[in-house]
């Protein structure tokens, strides 16, 4: 009887260790940061108020296994921090950037830089703040990285959200509330 109890506890413990091992030894692909590259040069059809900037979206597989079939889908758009009718909100559709890019496979500790064009205002509206002025329009980039663990076929989705307050080129991660909006 004691042998059966010990054997059962041993099986239960080894199962827990295996499950924990599977969770820690998997691919983990995330967007690490987003950086401004600069204005897109050349002949680009744009309206008088907006122009495209180029940005680098940096992905990294910080997991312990290859990530296969990596796909990045994102949406980038301007949002006015002021409240009122006719001001830019993230849900507006005109002049948004929406793209899906298939990356392929990422090895452990491998990085990939995705290039994105995002439309920005030529002249941001500002308000006075002390002895300088604050830009009132921000860029939000929201999306999801999807990939597969080739060992067990599990599919993972890693959402991301970054904002650039004042469209100055300095991105920060969005808060959970901003990501859900």
Protein backbone atom coordinates (compact mmCIF):
# COMPACT_ATOMS: atom_id res chain seq x y z
CA UNK A 1 0.00 0.00 0.00
CA UNK A 2 2.82 2.41 0.89
CA UNK A 3 4.53 1.59 -2.40
CA UNK A 4 1.39 2.58 -4.34
CA UNK A 5 1.12 5.90 -2.47
CA UNK A 6 4.81 6.70 -3.02
CA UNK A 7 4.56 5.73 -6.68
CA UNK A 8 1.47 7.93 -7.16
CA UNK A 9 3.13 10.92 -5.49
CA UNK A 10 6.24 10.40 -7.60
CA UNK A 11 4.15 10.31 -10.80
CA UNK A 12 2.25 13.46 -9.76
CA UNK A 13 5.51 15.33 -9.00
CA UNK A 14 7.15 14.30 -12.29
CA UNK A 15 4.03 15.41 -14.18
CA UNK A 16 4.15 18.85 -12.50
CA UNK A 17 7.85 19.20 -13.33
CA UNK A 18 7.21 18.25 -16.96
CA UNK A 19 4.40 20.82 -17.30
CA UNK A 20 6.58 23.51 -15.72
CA UNK A 21 9.46 22.55 -18.02
CA UNK A 22 7.21 22.83 -21.09
CA UNK A 23 6.13 26.33 -20.05
CA UNK A 24 9.68 27.59 -19.47
CA UNK A 25 11.25 25.86 -22.48
CA UNK A 26 9.13 27.41 -25.19
CA UNK A 27 9.53 30.24 -27.68
CA UNK A 28 8.67 33.71 -26.38
CA UNK A 29 8.49 36.37 -29.11
CA UNK A 30 7.73 39.93 -28.09
CA UNK A 31 8.08 43.45 -29.40
CA UNK A 32 10.90 44.97 -27.36
CA UNK A 33 10.79 48.54 -28.55
CA UNK A 34 9.92 50.84 -31.42
CA UNK A 35 12.26 53.51 -32.75
CA UNK A 36 11.92 56.40 -35.17
CA UNK A 37 14.10 56.02 -38.28
CA UNK A 38 13.05 59.26 -39.95
CA UNK A 39 10.91 60.74 -42.70
CA UNK A 40 10.27 58.68 -45.82
CA UNK A 41 12.01 60.40 -48.71
CA UNK A 42 10.89 60.41 -52.32
CA UNK A 43 7.65 60.94 -54.11
CA UNK A 44 4.88 59.73 -51.87
CA UNK A 45 1.25 60.59 -52.37
CA UNK A 46 0.18 62.46 -49.26
CA UNK A 47 -2.24 65.17 -48.37
CA UNK A 48 -1.09 68.61 -47.27
CA UNK A 49 -1.37 67.91 -43.54
CA UNK A 50 0.39 64.51 -43.19
CA UNK A 51 3.59 62.79 -44.21
CA UNK A 52 4.97 59.27 -43.69
CA UNK A 53 7.71 58.51 -41.16
CA UNK A 54 9.64 55.25 -41.04
CA UNK A 55 9.83 53.32 -37.77
CA UNK A 56 11.66 50.19 -36.67
CA UNK A 57 9.64 47.61 -34.71
CA UNK A 58 12.11 45.36 -32.88
CA UNK A 59 11.07 41.76 -32.18
CA UNK A 60 13.01 39.28 -30.07
CA UNK A 61 12.64 35.59 -29.29
CA UNK A 62 13.76 35.45 -25.66
CA UNK A 63 12.56 31.87 -25.28
CA UNK A 64 14.57 28.66 -25.35
CA UNK A 65 13.10 27.17 -28.56
CA UNK A 66 12.66 28.22 -32.18
CA UNK A 67 9.48 30.14 -32.93
CA UNK A 68 8.02 29.11 -36.25
CA UNK A 69 5.54 30.93 -38.45
CA UNK A 70 6.02 34.31 -36.76
CA UNK A 71 3.42 36.82 -37.97
CA UNK A 72 3.11 40.44 -36.82
CA UNK A 73 -0.17 42.29 -37.29
CA UNK A 74 -0.34 45.90 -36.18
CA UNK A 75 -2.34 49.07 -36.49
CA UNK A 76 -0.80 52.50 -36.07
CA UNK A 77 -2.73 55.72 -35.83
CA UNK A 78 -2.65 59.21 -34.43
CA UNK A 79 -4.68 60.20 -31.39
CA UNK A 80 -5.34 63.69 -30.12
CA UNK A 81 -5.05 64.00 -26.34
CA UNK A 82 -7.66 66.76 -26.33
CA UNK A 83 -11.33 65.89 -25.97
CA UNK A 84 -13.88 67.17 -28.43
CA UNK A 85 -15.72 66.57 -31.65
CA UNK A 86 -13.60 66.35 -34.80
CA UNK A 87 -10.36 65.50 -32.98
CA UNK A 88 -8.32 62.40 -33.93
CA UNK A 89 -9.13 59.26 -31.95
CA UNK A 90 -7.57 55.81 -32.35
CA UNK A 91 -10.78 54.34 -33.72
CA UNK A 92 -10.71 56.71 -36.73
CA UNK A 93 -10.00 54.88 -39.98
CA UNK A 94 -8.68 57.50 -42.47
CA UNK A 95 -4.89 57.57 -42.89
CA UNK A 96 -4.25 54.71 -40.47
CA UNK A 97 -1.47 52.22 -41.02
CA UNK A 98 -2.63 48.63 -40.85
CA UNK A 99 -0.27 45.84 -41.87
CA UNK A 100 0.38 42.13 -41.44
CA UNK A 101 3.90 40.84 -42.04
CA UNK A 102 5.07 37.25 -42.00
CA UNK A 103 8.56 36.97 -40.52
CA UNK A 104 9.13 33.21 -40.73
CA UNK A 105 11.17 31.53 -37.99
CA UNK A 106 13.11 33.12 -35.14
CA UNK A 107 15.85 31.24 -33.31
CA UNK A 108 16.28 31.60 -29.55
CA UNK A 109 17.82 35.00 -28.69
CA UNK A 110 17.31 36.07 -32.32
CA UNK A 111 16.08 39.56 -33.15
CA UNK A 112 14.26 40.96 -36.16
CA UNK A 113 13.63 44.57 -37.15
CA UNK A 114 10.37 45.19 -38.90
CA UNK A 115 10.05 48.41 -40.89
CA UNK A 116 6.79 50.35 -40.64
CA UNK A 117 5.58 53.52 -42.32
CA UNK A 118 3.27 55.61 -40.17
CA UNK A 119 1.50 58.79 -41.21
CA UNK A 120 2.17 61.75 -38.91
CA UNK A 121 1.01 65.36 -38.92
CA UNK A 122 3.32 67.92 -40.52
CA UNK A 123 2.36 70.42 -37.81
CA UNK A 124 1.16 69.04 -34.48
CA UNK A 125 -1.32 71.13 -32.52
CA UNK A 126 0.28 72.39 -29.31
CA UNK A 127 -0.75 74.06 -26.06
CA UNK A 128 1.34 76.33 -23.83
CA UNK A 129 2.88 74.62 -20.80
CA UNK A 130 5.14 76.77 -18.66
CA UNK A 131 7.86 78.26 -20.83
CA UNK A 132 7.41 75.79 -23.71
CA UNK A 133 4.66 74.09 -25.75
CA UNK A 134 3.31 70.51 -25.57
CA UNK A 135 2.33 68.48 -28.64
CA UNK A 136 -1.23 67.25 -28.32
CA UNK A 137 -1.16 64.38 -30.84
CA UNK A 138 0.38 60.99 -30.06
CA UNK A 139 1.05 57.88 -32.15
CA UNK A 140 -0.35 54.57 -30.93
CA UNK A 141 0.85 51.25 -32.34
CA UNK A 142 -1.22 48.26 -31.24
CA UNK A 143 -0.93 44.72 -32.49
CA UNK A 144 -0.27 41.06 -31.89
CA UNK A 145 2.66 38.74 -32.58
CA UNK A 146 1.53 35.20 -33.41
CA UNK A 147 3.87 32.21 -33.55
CA UNK A 148 3.99 28.44 -33.13
CA UNK A 149 6.04 26.19 -30.85
CA UNK A 150 7.36 23.58 -33.31
CA UNK A 151 7.78 20.94 -30.58
CA UNK A 152 4.15 20.63 -29.51
CA UNK A 153 2.37 22.73 -32.16
CA UNK A 154 0.98 25.18 -29.59
CA UNK A 155 0.07 28.58 -31.07
CA UNK A 156 0.84 31.70 -29.02
CA UNK A 157 -0.38 35.30 -29.32
CA UNK A 158 1.54 38.13 -27.67
CA UNK A 159 -0.32 41.47 -27.80
CA UNK A 160 1.64 44.71 -27.75
CA UNK A 161 0.89 48.40 -27.46
CA UNK A 162 3.28 51.36 -27.68
CA UNK A 163 2.62 55.08 -27.72
CA UNK A 164 4.73 58.06 -28.64
CA UNK A 165 3.37 61.06 -26.74
CA UNK A 166 3.78 64.16 -28.88
CA UNK A 167 5.12 62.14 -31.86
CA UNK A 168 8.68 62.90 -30.77
CA UNK A 169 10.12 59.47 -31.61
CA UNK A 170 10.35 58.25 -27.99
CA UNK A 171 7.99 55.30 -27.61
CA UNK A 172 6.82 53.80 -24.33
CA UNK A 173 4.72 50.75 -23.59
CA UNK A 174 1.02 51.49 -23.23
CA UNK A 175 -0.75 50.93 -19.98
CA UNK A 176 -3.17 48.02 -19.79
CA UNK A 177 -6.09 50.47 -20.04
CA UNK A 178 -4.69 52.08 -23.21
CA UNK A 179 -4.11 48.65 -24.75
CA UNK A 180 -7.73 47.61 -24.25
CA UNK A 181 -9.20 50.76 -25.81
